[in-house]
Amino acid sequence: MQIIPPGDYVIKNVKCHNDSDILRITFDWPPALEQVNVCILRGETETVKLLTLQEYRKHSGFLAEKTQGEAIFRIYPLVWSVTHGGICNTEDAQGEYVLYDQTESNSVTFIEKTIISCSMKETIGEYKNHEITISVNYPVHENIICYVKKKNGLPQDITDGVLYHFDETVTPGQPINRVVRTMKNEYIRFFVMDEVAYGIV
């Protein structure tokens, strides 16, 4: 397959729409183009999917599964080139597919963070009991979620007190419930060890 300069086949205005459980990629479809290659890069893994104009119109875009982490989508026009010169969008004539190179205008990046929801209820008696519930939208492995305990005030970061890790994996739909007991003058606060990949609310 040849890769040649874009010419008249330039992909522009690529957007990613977050539609509940799926992603919908839209872009300005060049005139007289019947199909494109959609290259999806997730981490070190790249997959390529063929998208026809008919499919694009049917779904109002390209539909992709939403997964945790970063996903980069790049769109490349794919055209059948006749061997003896000329371009056509059918394979009736002898030739080969030509992939049209693009600039950065043909790509869009989507990042799906894992959201960790932490709720806590305090009861005070001889000691202070912190009733904790943690739920997530994607699996979170052990030692990612932690809390810090500090006397006479809320901790500001993971170094501002005594650090404790949750040593189990939390999965969607299966929240974990714990009770942490402290002295009356001690406070706790939740943190995550990787703030790029995880968000806490």
N, C-alpha and C. Protein backbone atom coordinates (compact mmCIF):
# COMPACT_ATOMS: atom_id res chain seq x y z
N MET A 1 0.84 -1.20 0.00
CA MET A 1 0.00 0.00 0.00
C MET A 1 0.88 1.25 0.00
N GLN A 2 0.57 2.18 -0.88
CA GLN A 2 1.32 3.43 -0.94
C GLN A 2 0.79 4.42 0.11
N ILE A 3 1.71 5.28 0.59
CA ILE A 3 1.34 6.39 1.45
C ILE A 3 1.83 7.66 0.76
N ILE A 4 0.91 8.55 0.39
CA ILE A 4 1.28 9.73 -0.39
C ILE A 4 0.74 10.98 0.29
N PRO A 5 1.21 12.18 -0.11
CA PRO A 5 0.72 13.43 0.47
C PRO A 5 -0.78 13.56 0.35
N PRO A 6 -1.41 14.36 1.21
CA PRO A 6 -2.88 14.40 1.28
C PRO A 6 -3.59 14.91 0.05
N GLY A 7 -2.99 15.86 -0.66
CA GLY A 7 -3.69 16.39 -1.83
C GLY A 7 -5.03 16.98 -1.46
N ASP A 8 -6.08 16.55 -2.16
CA ASP A 8 -7.43 17.05 -1.87
C ASP A 8 -8.10 16.31 -0.72
N TYR A 9 -7.49 15.25 -0.26
CA TYR A 9 -8.09 14.43 0.80
C TYR A 9 -7.49 14.81 2.16
N VAL A 10 -8.01 15.87 2.73
CA VAL A 10 -7.51 16.35 4.03
C VAL A 10 -8.61 16.19 5.08
N ILE A 11 -8.28 15.48 6.14
CA ILE A 11 -9.22 15.29 7.25
C ILE A 11 -9.06 16.46 8.22
N LYS A 12 -10.18 17.13 8.53
CA LYS A 12 -10.15 18.28 9.43
C LYS A 12 -11.26 18.17 10.48
N ASN A 13 -11.11 19.01 11.50
CA ASN A 13 -12.16 19.19 12.51
C ASN A 13 -12.53 17.87 13.19
N VAL A 14 -11.52 17.10 13.57
CA VAL A 14 -11.77 15.83 14.26
C VAL A 14 -12.16 16.10 15.71
N LYS A 15 -13.28 15.52 16.13
CA LYS A 15 -13.77 15.73 17.50
C LYS A 15 -14.15 14.39 18.13
N CYS A 16 -14.02 14.33 19.44
CA CYS A 16 -14.40 13.14 20.19
C CYS A 16 -15.55 13.49 21.12
N HIS A 17 -16.67 12.78 20.96
CA HIS A 17 -17.86 13.01 21.78
C HIS A 17 -18.02 11.87 22.78
N ASN A 18 -18.16 12.22 24.04
CA ASN A 18 -18.28 11.24 25.10
C ASN A 18 -19.76 10.90 25.30
N ASP A 19 -20.22 9.84 24.64
CA ASP A 19 -21.63 9.46 24.67
C ASP A 19 -21.83 8.29 25.63
N SER A 20 -21.98 8.59 26.90
CA SER A 20 -22.25 7.56 27.92
C SER A 20 -21.17 6.49 27.90
N ASP A 21 -21.48 5.28 27.40
CA ASP A 21 -20.53 4.17 27.46
C ASP A 21 -19.67 4.04 26.21
N ILE A 22 -19.86 4.91 25.22
CA ILE A 22 -19.07 4.82 23.99
C ILE A 22 -18.50 6.19 23.62
N LEU A 23 -17.53 6.17 22.71
CA LEU A 23 -16.99 7.40 22.14
C LEU A 23 -17.45 7.50 20.69
N ARG A 24 -17.76 8.70 20.26
CA ARG A 24 -18.18 8.92 18.87
C ARG A 24 -17.24 9.95 18.27
N ILE A 25 -16.50 9.52 17.25
CA ILE A 25 -15.52 10.38 16.59
C ILE A 25 -16.15 10.97 15.33
N THR A 26 -16.13 12.29 15.21
CA THR A 26 -16.66 12.96 14.02
C THR A 26 -15.56 13.80 13.37
N PHE A 27 -15.72 14.07 12.08
CA PHE A 27 -14.76 14.89 11.35
C PHE A 27 -15.40 15.34 10.04
N ASP A 28 -14.75 16.30 9.38
CA ASP A 28 -15.22 16.76 8.07
C ASP A 28 -14.81 15.75 7.01
N TRP A 29 -15.79 15.07 6.44
CA TRP A 29 -15.51 14.01 5.45
C TRP A 29 -15.22 14.65 4.08
N PRO A 30 -14.04 14.43 3.49
CA PRO A 30 -13.70 15.05 2.20
C PRO A 30 -14.65 14.59 1.09
N PRO A 31 -14.96 15.47 0.14
CA PRO A 31 -15.83 15.11 -0.99
C PRO A 31 -15.22 13.97 -1.82
N ALA A 32 -16.08 13.15 -2.39
CA ALA A 32 -15.69 12.07 -3.30
C ALA A 32 -14.89 10.96 -2.62
N LEU A 33 -14.87 10.96 -1.29
CA LEU A 33 -14.16 9.91 -0.56
C LEU A 33 -15.17 8.89 -0.03
N GLU A 34 -14.88 7.61 -0.20
CA GLU A 34 -15.82 6.57 0.20
C GLU A 34 -15.43 5.83 1.48
N GLN A 35 -14.16 5.88 1.85
CA GLN A 35 -13.74 5.14 3.04
C GLN A 35 -12.46 5.73 3.62
N VAL A 36 -12.26 5.45 4.91
CA VAL A 36 -11.05 5.90 5.60
C VAL A 36 -10.56 4.78 6.51
N ASN A 37 -9.31 4.89 6.90
CA ASN A 37 -8.77 4.04 7.96
C ASN A 37 -8.76 4.84 9.25
N VAL A 38 -9.26 4.22 10.32
CA VAL A 38 -9.20 4.83 11.64
C VAL A 38 -8.16 4.09 12.45
N CYS A 39 -7.09 4.78 12.81
CA CYS A 39 -6.02 4.19 13.61
C CYS A 39 -6.22 4.59 15.07
N ILE A 40 -6.28 3.59 15.95
CA ILE A 40 -6.54 3.82 17.37
C ILE A 40 -5.32 3.38 18.16
N LEU A 41 -4.73 4.31 18.90
CA LEU A 41 -3.55 4.01 19.70
C LEU A 41 -3.92 4.10 21.17
N ARG A 42 -3.80 2.96 21.85
CA ARG A 42 -4.02 2.89 23.30
C ARG A 42 -2.76 2.31 23.94
N GLY A 43 -2.01 3.15 24.62
CA GLY A 43 -0.75 2.69 25.18
C GLY A 43 0.20 2.29 24.07
N GLU A 44 0.68 1.04 24.11
CA GLU A 44 1.59 0.52 23.09
C GLU A 44 0.86 -0.25 22.00
N THR A 45 -0.47 -0.31 22.10
CA THR A 45 -1.26 -1.11 21.16
C THR A 45 -1.96 -0.21 20.15
N GLU A 46 -1.77 -0.52 18.86
CA GLU A 46 -2.44 0.22 17.79
C GLU A 46 -3.31 -0.73 16.98
N THR A 47 -4.55 -0.33 16.76
CA THR A 47 -5.47 -1.09 15.92
C THR A 47 -5.95 -0.20 14.79
N VAL A 48 -6.26 -0.82 13.66
CA VAL A 48 -6.73 -0.09 12.48
C VAL A 48 -8.08 -0.65 12.06
N LYS A 49 -9.04 0.24 11.85
CA LYS A 49 -10.38 -0.18 11.44
C LYS A 49 -10.81 0.59 10.21
N LEU A 50 -11.46 -0.12 9.30
CA LEU A 50 -11.98 0.49 8.08
C LEU A 50 -13.35 1.10 8.36
N LEU A 51 -13.53 2.33 7.92
CA LEU A 51 -14.81 3.02 8.10
C LEU A 51 -15.28 3.53 6.74
N THR A 52 -16.47 3.11 6.33
CA THR A 52 -17.03 3.59 5.06
C THR A 52 -17.92 4.81 5.30
N LEU A 53 -18.17 5.54 4.23
CA LEU A 53 -19.03 6.71 4.33
C LEU A 53 -20.44 6.31 4.77
N GLN A 54 -20.90 5.17 4.29
CA GLN A 54 -22.23 4.68 4.66
C GLN A 54 -22.32 4.41 6.16
N GLU A 55 -21.28 3.77 6.73
CA GLU A 55 -21.26 3.50 8.17
C GLU A 55 -21.18 4.80 8.97
N TYR A 56 -20.37 5.72 8.47
CA TYR A 56 -20.23 7.02 9.16
C TYR A 56 -21.57 7.74 9.24
N ARG A 57 -22.30 7.76 8.14
CA ARG A 57 -23.60 8.42 8.13
C ARG A 57 -24.61 7.70 9.02
N LYS A 58 -24.57 6.38 9.02
CA LYS A 58 -25.52 5.60 9.81
C LYS A 58 -25.39 5.89 11.29
N HIS A 59 -24.15 6.02 11.78
CA HIS A 59 -23.90 6.21 13.21
C HIS A 59 -23.56 7.65 13.58
N SER A 60 -23.63 8.55 12.59
CA SER A 60 -23.26 9.96 12.80
C SER A 60 -21.84 10.08 13.35
N GLY A 61 -20.94 9.22 12.85
CA GLY A 61 -19.56 9.24 13.29
C GLY A 61 -19.00 7.84 13.38
N PHE A 62 -17.80 7.73 13.91
CA PHE A 62 -17.15 6.44 14.16
C PHE A 62 -17.30 6.11 15.64
N LEU A 63 -17.85 4.93 15.93
CA LEU A 63 -18.09 4.52 17.31
C LEU A 63 -16.93 3.68 17.83
N ALA A 64 -16.48 4.02 19.04
CA ALA A 64 -15.36 3.30 19.64
C ALA A 64 -15.68 3.00 21.10
N GLU A 65 -15.14 1.89 21.57
CA GLU A 65 -15.33 1.50 22.96
C GLU A 65 -14.57 2.46 23.88
N LYS A 66 -15.20 2.82 24.98
CA LYS A 66 -14.54 3.67 25.97
C LYS A 66 -13.76 2.79 26.95
N THR A 67 -12.48 3.07 27.09
CA THR A 67 -11.64 2.31 28.00
C THR A 67 -10.85 3.25 28.89
N GLN A 68 -10.32 2.71 29.95
CA GLN A 68 -9.53 3.50 30.88
C GLN A 68 -8.23 3.97 30.22
N GLY A 69 -7.84 5.21 30.54
CA GLY A 69 -6.57 5.72 30.05
C GLY A 69 -6.72 6.56 28.79
N GLU A 70 -5.60 6.73 28.08
CA GLU A 70 -5.54 7.60 26.91
C GLU A 70 -5.78 6.82 25.63
N ALA A 71 -6.55 7.42 24.73
CA ALA A 71 -6.77 6.85 23.40
C ALA A 71 -6.57 7.95 22.37
N ILE A 72 -5.77 7.67 21.34
CA ILE A 72 -5.51 8.63 20.26
C ILE A 72 -6.12 8.07 18.97
N PHE A 73 -6.96 8.86 18.32
CA PHE A 73 -7.62 8.46 17.08
C PHE A 73 -7.05 9.29 15.93
N ARG A 74 -6.59 8.61 14.87
CA ARG A 74 -6.09 9.30 13.68
C ARG A 74 -6.85 8.76 12.45
N ILE A 75 -7.25 9.68 11.57
CA ILE A 75 -8.06 9.32 10.41
C ILE A 75 -7.23 9.50 9.15
N TYR A 76 -7.20 8.46 8.28
CA TYR A 76 -6.45 8.52 7.03
C TYR A 76 -7.36 8.14 5.86
N PRO A 77 -7.50 9.02 4.86
CA PRO A 77 -8.28 8.67 3.65
C PRO A 77 -7.67 7.45 2.95
N LEU A 78 -8.53 6.56 2.49
CA LEU A 78 -8.11 5.35 1.81
C LEU A 78 -8.81 5.30 0.45
N VAL A 79 -8.03 5.31 -0.63
CA VAL A 79 -8.59 5.43 -1.98
C VAL A 79 -7.97 4.36 -2.88
N TRP A 80 -8.79 3.81 -3.79
CA TRP A 80 -8.31 2.82 -4.76
C TRP A 80 -7.67 3.55 -5.93
N SER A 81 -6.39 3.25 -6.18
CA SER A 81 -5.65 3.91 -7.25
C SER A 81 -5.49 2.96 -8.42
N VAL A 82 -5.94 3.42 -9.60
CA VAL A 82 -5.82 2.61 -10.81
C VAL A 82 -4.35 2.54 -11.23
N THR A 83 -3.90 1.35 -11.62
CA THR A 83 -2.50 1.13 -11.94
C THR A 83 -1.98 2.07 -13.01
N HIS A 84 -2.80 2.35 -14.02
CA HIS A 84 -2.34 3.18 -15.15
C HIS A 84 -2.72 4.65 -14.97
N GLY A 85 -2.77 5.07 -13.72
CA GLY A 85 -3.02 6.48 -13.45
C GLY A 85 -4.46 6.74 -13.09
N GLY A 86 -4.66 7.71 -12.25
CA GLY A 86 -6.01 8.09 -11.86
C GLY A 86 -6.42 7.47 -10.54
N ILE A 87 -7.44 8.05 -9.95
CA ILE A 87 -7.98 7.60 -8.68
C ILE A 87 -9.46 7.29 -8.85
N CYS A 88 -9.89 6.18 -8.28
CA CYS A 88 -11.32 5.88 -8.26
C CYS A 88 -11.64 5.22 -6.93
N ASN A 89 -12.94 5.15 -6.61
CA ASN A 89 -13.34 4.60 -5.32
C ASN A 89 -13.91 3.19 -5.44
N THR A 90 -13.61 2.50 -6.53
CA THR A 90 -14.04 1.12 -6.66
C THR A 90 -12.84 0.27 -7.03
N GLU A 91 -13.01 -1.05 -6.89
CA GLU A 91 -11.93 -1.97 -7.21
C GLU A 91 -12.17 -2.66 -8.55
N ASP A 92 -13.03 -2.03 -9.40
CA ASP A 92 -13.32 -2.63 -10.70
C ASP A 92 -12.10 -2.63 -11.61
N ALA A 93 -11.28 -1.57 -11.49
CA ALA A 93 -10.07 -1.48 -12.31
C ALA A 93 -8.87 -2.01 -11.53
N GLN A 94 -7.88 -2.50 -12.27
CA GLN A 94 -6.69 -3.03 -11.62
C GLN A 94 -5.92 -1.88 -10.95
N GLY A 95 -5.48 -2.10 -9.72
CA GLY A 95 -4.74 -1.06 -9.01
C GLY A 95 -4.44 -1.48 -7.59
N GLU A 96 -4.35 -0.52 -6.70
CA GLU A 96 -4.05 -0.78 -5.30
C GLU A 96 -4.62 0.33 -4.44
N TYR A 97 -4.74 0.05 -3.13
CA TYR A 97 -5.19 1.08 -2.21
C TYR A 97 -4.06 2.05 -1.93
N VAL A 98 -4.42 3.32 -1.84
CA VAL A 98 -3.47 4.38 -1.51
C VAL A 98 -3.93 5.03 -0.20
N LEU A 99 -3.02 5.12 0.74
CA LEU A 99 -3.31 5.76 2.02
C LEU A 99 -2.75 7.18 1.97
N TYR A 100 -3.62 8.15 2.24
CA TYR A 100 -3.20 9.54 2.16
C TYR A 100 -2.71 10.03 3.52
N ASP A 101 -1.44 10.45 3.55
CA ASP A 101 -0.85 10.96 4.78
C ASP A 101 -1.57 12.25 5.19
N GLN A 102 -1.46 12.58 6.49
CA GLN A 102 -2.16 13.74 7.02
C GLN A 102 -1.26 14.54 7.95
N THR A 103 -1.76 15.70 8.36
CA THR A 103 -1.09 16.51 9.38
C THR A 103 -1.77 16.21 10.72
N GLU A 104 -1.39 16.96 11.76
CA GLU A 104 -1.98 16.74 13.08
C GLU A 104 -3.47 17.06 13.13
N SER A 105 -4.00 17.70 12.08
CA SER A 105 -5.42 18.04 12.07
C SER A 105 -6.30 16.80 11.98
N ASN A 106 -5.72 15.64 11.69
CA ASN A 106 -6.52 14.43 11.52
C ASN A 106 -6.61 13.60 12.79
N SER A 107 -6.19 14.13 13.93
CA SER A 107 -6.16 13.31 15.14
C SER A 107 -6.89 13.99 16.29
N VAL A 108 -7.31 13.15 17.25
CA VAL A 108 -7.93 13.66 18.47
C VAL A 108 -7.57 12.69 19.59
N THR A 109 -7.39 13.24 20.79
CA THR A 109 -7.01 12.44 21.95
C THR A 109 -8.12 12.49 22.99
N PHE A 110 -8.42 11.32 23.56
CA PHE A 110 -9.41 11.24 24.64
C PHE A 110 -8.77 10.53 25.83
N ILE A 111 -8.95 11.08 27.02
CA ILE A 111 -8.41 10.47 28.23
C ILE A 111 -9.57 10.18 29.19
N GLU A 112 -9.72 8.93 29.54
CA GLU A 112 -10.75 8.51 30.48
C GLU A 112 -10.10 8.20 31.83
N LYS A 113 -10.38 9.05 32.81
CA LYS A 113 -9.83 8.83 34.14
C LYS A 113 -10.70 7.84 34.92
N THR A 114 -10.05 7.10 35.79
CA THR A 114 -10.78 6.29 36.76
C THR A 114 -11.22 7.21 37.90
N ILE A 115 -12.52 7.23 38.16
CA ILE A 115 -13.05 8.09 39.22
C ILE A 115 -13.28 7.25 40.47
N ILE A 116 -12.67 7.68 41.55
CA ILE A 116 -12.80 6.99 42.83
C ILE A 116 -13.69 7.84 43.72
N SER A 117 -14.82 7.28 44.13
CA SER A 117 -15.75 7.98 45.01
C SER A 117 -15.55 7.49 46.44
N CYS A 118 -15.21 8.42 47.32
CA CYS A 118 -14.98 8.07 48.72
C CYS A 118 -15.96 8.86 49.60
N SER A 119 -16.71 8.14 50.39
CA SER A 119 -17.61 8.80 51.33
C SER A 119 -17.27 8.33 52.75
N MET A 120 -17.50 9.22 53.70
CA MET A 120 -17.11 8.88 55.08
C MET A 120 -18.10 9.49 56.07
N LYS A 121 -18.45 8.70 57.07
CA LYS A 121 -19.33 9.15 58.15
C LYS A 121 -18.59 8.96 59.47
N GLU A 122 -18.60 9.99 60.31
CA GLU A 122 -17.87 9.94 61.58
C GLU A 122 -18.85 9.79 62.75
N THR A 123 -18.48 8.93 63.68
CA THR A 123 -19.19 8.82 64.95
C THR A 123 -18.15 8.92 66.06
N ILE A 124 -18.49 9.67 67.09
CA ILE A 124 -17.52 9.93 68.16
C ILE A 124 -18.05 9.38 69.47
N GLY A 125 -17.23 8.55 70.08
CA GLY A 125 -17.50 8.03 71.42
C GLY A 125 -16.22 8.15 72.21
N GLU A 126 -15.77 7.03 72.75
CA GLU A 126 -14.46 7.02 73.40
C GLU A 126 -13.36 7.28 72.38
N TYR A 127 -13.61 6.78 71.16
CA TYR A 127 -12.73 7.03 70.02
C TYR A 127 -13.56 7.65 68.89
N LYS A 128 -12.91 8.00 67.82
CA LYS A 128 -13.60 8.48 66.62
C LYS A 128 -13.59 7.36 65.58
N ASN A 129 -14.78 6.94 65.14
CA ASN A 129 -14.91 5.91 64.11
C ASN A 129 -15.26 6.56 62.77
N HIS A 130 -14.49 6.22 61.74
CA HIS A 130 -14.72 6.73 60.39
C HIS A 130 -15.26 5.58 59.53
N GLU A 131 -16.55 5.64 59.20
CA GLU A 131 -17.16 4.61 58.36
C GLU A 131 -16.95 5.00 56.90
N ILE A 132 -16.17 4.20 56.18
CA ILE A 132 -15.69 4.56 54.84
C ILE A 132 -16.34 3.65 53.79
N THR A 133 -16.79 4.26 52.69
CA THR A 133 -17.27 3.52 51.52
C THR A 133 -16.53 4.02 50.29
N ILE A 134 -15.96 3.10 49.51
CA ILE A 134 -15.21 3.46 48.31
C ILE A 134 -15.79 2.72 47.12
N SER A 135 -16.12 3.45 46.05
CA SER A 135 -16.62 2.85 44.80
C SER A 135 -15.86 3.44 43.62
N VAL A 136 -15.83 2.70 42.51
CA VAL A 136 -15.04 3.11 41.34
C VAL A 136 -15.82 2.82 40.06
N ASN A 137 -15.40 3.47 38.96
CA ASN A 137 -16.01 3.19 37.65
C ASN A 137 -15.15 2.24 36.80
N TYR A 138 -13.88 2.04 37.18
CA TYR A 138 -12.98 1.06 36.58
C TYR A 138 -12.22 0.37 37.71
N PRO A 139 -11.72 -0.84 37.49
CA PRO A 139 -10.96 -1.51 38.54
C PRO A 139 -9.76 -0.69 39.00
N VAL A 140 -9.53 -0.67 40.30
CA VAL A 140 -8.39 0.03 40.89
C VAL A 140 -7.60 -0.98 41.72
N HIS A 141 -6.34 -1.15 41.38
CA HIS A 141 -5.52 -2.16 42.04
C HIS A 141 -5.11 -1.72 43.44
N GLU A 142 -4.63 -2.69 44.19
CA GLU A 142 -4.22 -2.43 45.56
C GLU A 142 -3.12 -1.37 45.63
N ASN A 143 -3.12 -0.65 46.74
CA ASN A 143 -2.11 0.37 47.06
C ASN A 143 -2.21 1.65 46.24
N ILE A 144 -3.24 1.78 45.37
CA ILE A 144 -3.46 3.03 44.66
C ILE A 144 -4.20 4.02 45.56
N ILE A 145 -5.23 3.54 46.25
CA ILE A 145 -6.00 4.39 47.16
C ILE A 145 -5.33 4.36 48.53
N CYS A 146 -5.27 5.51 49.15
CA CYS A 146 -4.65 5.58 50.48
C CYS A 146 -5.35 6.66 51.30
N TYR A 147 -5.06 6.67 52.58
CA TYR A 147 -5.49 7.79 53.41
C TYR A 147 -4.35 8.17 54.34
N VAL A 148 -4.39 9.42 54.78
CA VAL A 148 -3.36 9.95 55.68
C VAL A 148 -4.04 10.37 56.98
N LYS A 149 -3.44 9.99 58.09
CA LYS A 149 -3.96 10.35 59.41
C LYS A 149 -3.07 11.41 60.04
N LYS A 150 -3.69 12.42 60.62
CA LYS A 150 -2.93 13.53 61.20
C LYS A 150 -3.65 14.05 62.46
N LYS A 151 -2.87 14.50 63.44
CA LYS A 151 -3.43 15.07 64.66
C LYS A 151 -3.76 16.56 64.46
N ASN A 152 -4.88 16.96 65.01
CA ASN A 152 -5.27 18.37 65.12
C ASN A 152 -5.49 19.09 63.79
N GLY A 153 -5.83 18.36 62.74
CA GLY A 153 -6.13 19.01 61.47
C GLY A 153 -6.09 18.05 60.31
N LEU A 154 -6.72 18.47 59.18
CA LEU A 154 -6.76 17.62 58.00
C LEU A 154 -5.40 17.59 57.30
N PRO A 155 -4.94 16.42 56.85
CA PRO A 155 -3.70 16.33 56.07
C PRO A 155 -3.84 17.07 54.75
N GLN A 156 -2.75 17.69 54.29
CA GLN A 156 -2.76 18.43 53.03
C GLN A 156 -2.26 17.59 51.85
N ASP A 157 -1.43 16.60 52.11
CA ASP A 157 -0.92 15.71 51.07
C ASP A 157 -0.46 14.41 51.72
N ILE A 158 0.11 13.51 50.91
CA ILE A 158 0.45 12.18 51.44
C ILE A 158 1.64 12.20 52.40
N THR A 159 2.36 13.31 52.46
CA THR A 159 3.50 13.42 53.38
C THR A 159 3.12 14.11 54.69
N ASP A 160 1.89 14.60 54.75
CA ASP A 160 1.46 15.41 55.90
C ASP A 160 0.75 14.55 56.95
N GLY A 161 1.45 13.56 57.48
CA GLY A 161 0.88 12.65 58.46
C GLY A 161 1.34 11.23 58.24
N VAL A 162 0.56 10.28 58.78
CA VAL A 162 0.89 8.87 58.66
C VAL A 162 0.09 8.27 57.49
N LEU A 163 0.79 7.65 56.55
CA LEU A 163 0.18 7.14 55.32
C LEU A 163 -0.24 5.68 55.47
N TYR A 164 -1.47 5.36 55.03
CA TYR A 164 -1.98 3.99 55.04
C TYR A 164 -2.55 3.67 53.65
N HIS A 165 -2.24 2.49 53.13
CA HIS A 165 -2.75 2.06 51.83
C HIS A 165 -3.90 1.08 51.99
N PHE A 166 -4.82 1.10 51.00
CA PHE A 166 -5.83 0.05 50.90
C PHE A 166 -5.22 -1.08 50.07
N ASP A 167 -5.01 -2.23 50.69
CA ASP A 167 -4.24 -3.31 50.07
C ASP A 167 -5.12 -4.33 49.36
N GLU A 168 -6.17 -3.85 48.67
CA GLU A 168 -7.01 -4.75 47.90
C GLU A 168 -7.51 -4.03 46.65
N THR A 169 -7.90 -4.82 45.64
CA THR A 169 -8.42 -4.26 44.40
C THR A 169 -9.89 -3.91 44.57
N VAL A 170 -10.26 -2.73 44.08
CA VAL A 170 -11.66 -2.30 44.11
C VAL A 170 -12.22 -2.42 42.69
N THR A 171 -13.37 -3.05 42.54
CA THR A 171 -13.97 -3.27 41.23
C THR A 171 -15.32 -2.55 41.12
N PRO A 172 -15.71 -2.15 39.90
CA PRO A 172 -17.00 -1.47 39.71
C PRO A 172 -18.16 -2.32 40.20
N GLY A 173 -19.11 -1.69 40.86
CA GLY A 173 -20.29 -2.39 41.35
C GLY A 173 -20.07 -3.15 42.64
N GLN A 174 -18.84 -3.15 43.15
CA GLN A 174 -18.54 -3.85 44.41
C GLN A 174 -17.75 -2.92 45.33
N PRO A 175 -18.43 -1.94 45.90
CA PRO A 175 -17.74 -0.99 46.78
C PRO A 175 -17.19 -1.70 48.03
N ILE A 176 -16.15 -1.13 48.58
CA ILE A 176 -15.60 -1.67 49.82
C ILE A 176 -16.02 -0.76 50.97
N ASN A 177 -16.26 -1.38 52.10
CA ASN A 177 -16.68 -0.66 53.31
C ASN A 177 -15.71 -0.98 54.44
N ARG A 178 -15.21 0.05 55.07
CA ARG A 178 -14.24 -0.13 56.15
C ARG A 178 -14.56 0.85 57.28
N VAL A 179 -14.13 0.48 58.48
CA VAL A 179 -14.20 1.37 59.63
C VAL A 179 -12.78 1.61 60.13
N VAL A 180 -12.39 2.88 60.17
CA VAL A 180 -11.07 3.26 60.66
C VAL A 180 -11.27 3.97 62.00
N ARG A 181 -10.59 3.49 63.03
CA ARG A 181 -10.71 4.07 64.37
C ARG A 181 -9.50 4.95 64.65
N THR A 182 -9.74 6.16 65.12
CA THR A 182 -8.67 7.08 65.48
C THR A 182 -8.97 7.72 66.83
N MET A 183 -7.99 8.46 67.34
CA MET A 183 -8.23 9.26 68.53
C MET A 183 -9.14 10.44 68.16
N LYS A 184 -9.75 11.07 69.14
CA LYS A 184 -10.71 12.14 68.86
C LYS A 184 -10.06 13.34 68.16
N ASN A 185 -8.78 13.56 68.42
CA ASN A 185 -8.10 14.72 67.82
C ASN A 185 -7.38 14.37 66.52
N GLU A 186 -7.67 13.20 65.93
CA GLU A 186 -7.02 12.78 64.70
C GLU A 186 -8.01 12.86 63.53
N TYR A 187 -7.48 13.24 62.38
CA TYR A 187 -8.29 13.40 61.17
C TYR A 187 -7.67 12.57 60.04
N ILE A 188 -8.53 12.15 59.11
CA ILE A 188 -8.02 11.39 57.96
C ILE A 188 -8.54 12.01 56.67
N ARG A 189 -7.76 11.79 55.61
CA ARG A 189 -8.14 12.31 54.29
C ARG A 189 -7.66 11.33 53.22
N PHE A 190 -8.47 11.18 52.16
CA PHE A 190 -8.15 10.24 51.08
C PHE A 190 -7.24 10.87 50.04
N PHE A 191 -6.38 10.02 49.45
CA PHE A 191 -5.51 10.44 48.35
C PHE A 191 -5.35 9.26 47.39
N VAL A 192 -4.81 9.53 46.19
CA VAL A 192 -4.43 8.47 45.26
C VAL A 192 -2.95 8.62 44.96
N MET A 193 -2.29 7.51 44.66
CA MET A 193 -0.85 7.54 44.41
C MET A 193 -0.50 7.98 42.99
N ASP A 194 -1.48 7.94 42.08
CA ASP A 194 -1.25 8.34 40.69
C ASP A 194 -2.36 9.31 40.29
N GLU A 195 -2.11 10.62 40.40
CA GLU A 195 -3.14 11.61 40.13
C GLU A 195 -3.40 11.82 38.65
N VAL A 196 -2.49 11.34 37.79
CA VAL A 196 -2.68 11.47 36.34
C VAL A 196 -3.76 10.51 35.86
N ALA A 197 -3.71 9.27 36.32
CA ALA A 197 -4.65 8.24 35.86
C ALA A 197 -5.93 8.16 36.67
N TYR A 198 -5.89 8.69 37.90
CA TYR A 198 -7.03 8.52 38.79
C TYR A 198 -7.50 9.87 39.33
N GLY A 199 -8.80 10.01 39.47
CA GLY A 199 -9.38 11.19 40.11
C GLY A 199 -10.21 10.76 41.30
N ILE A 200 -10.20 11.55 42.35
CA ILE A 200 -10.92 11.18 43.57
C ILE A 200 -11.94 12.25 43.90
N VAL A 201 -13.14 11.80 44.25
CA VAL A 201 -14.21 12.73 44.59
C VAL A 201 -14.83 12.33 45.92
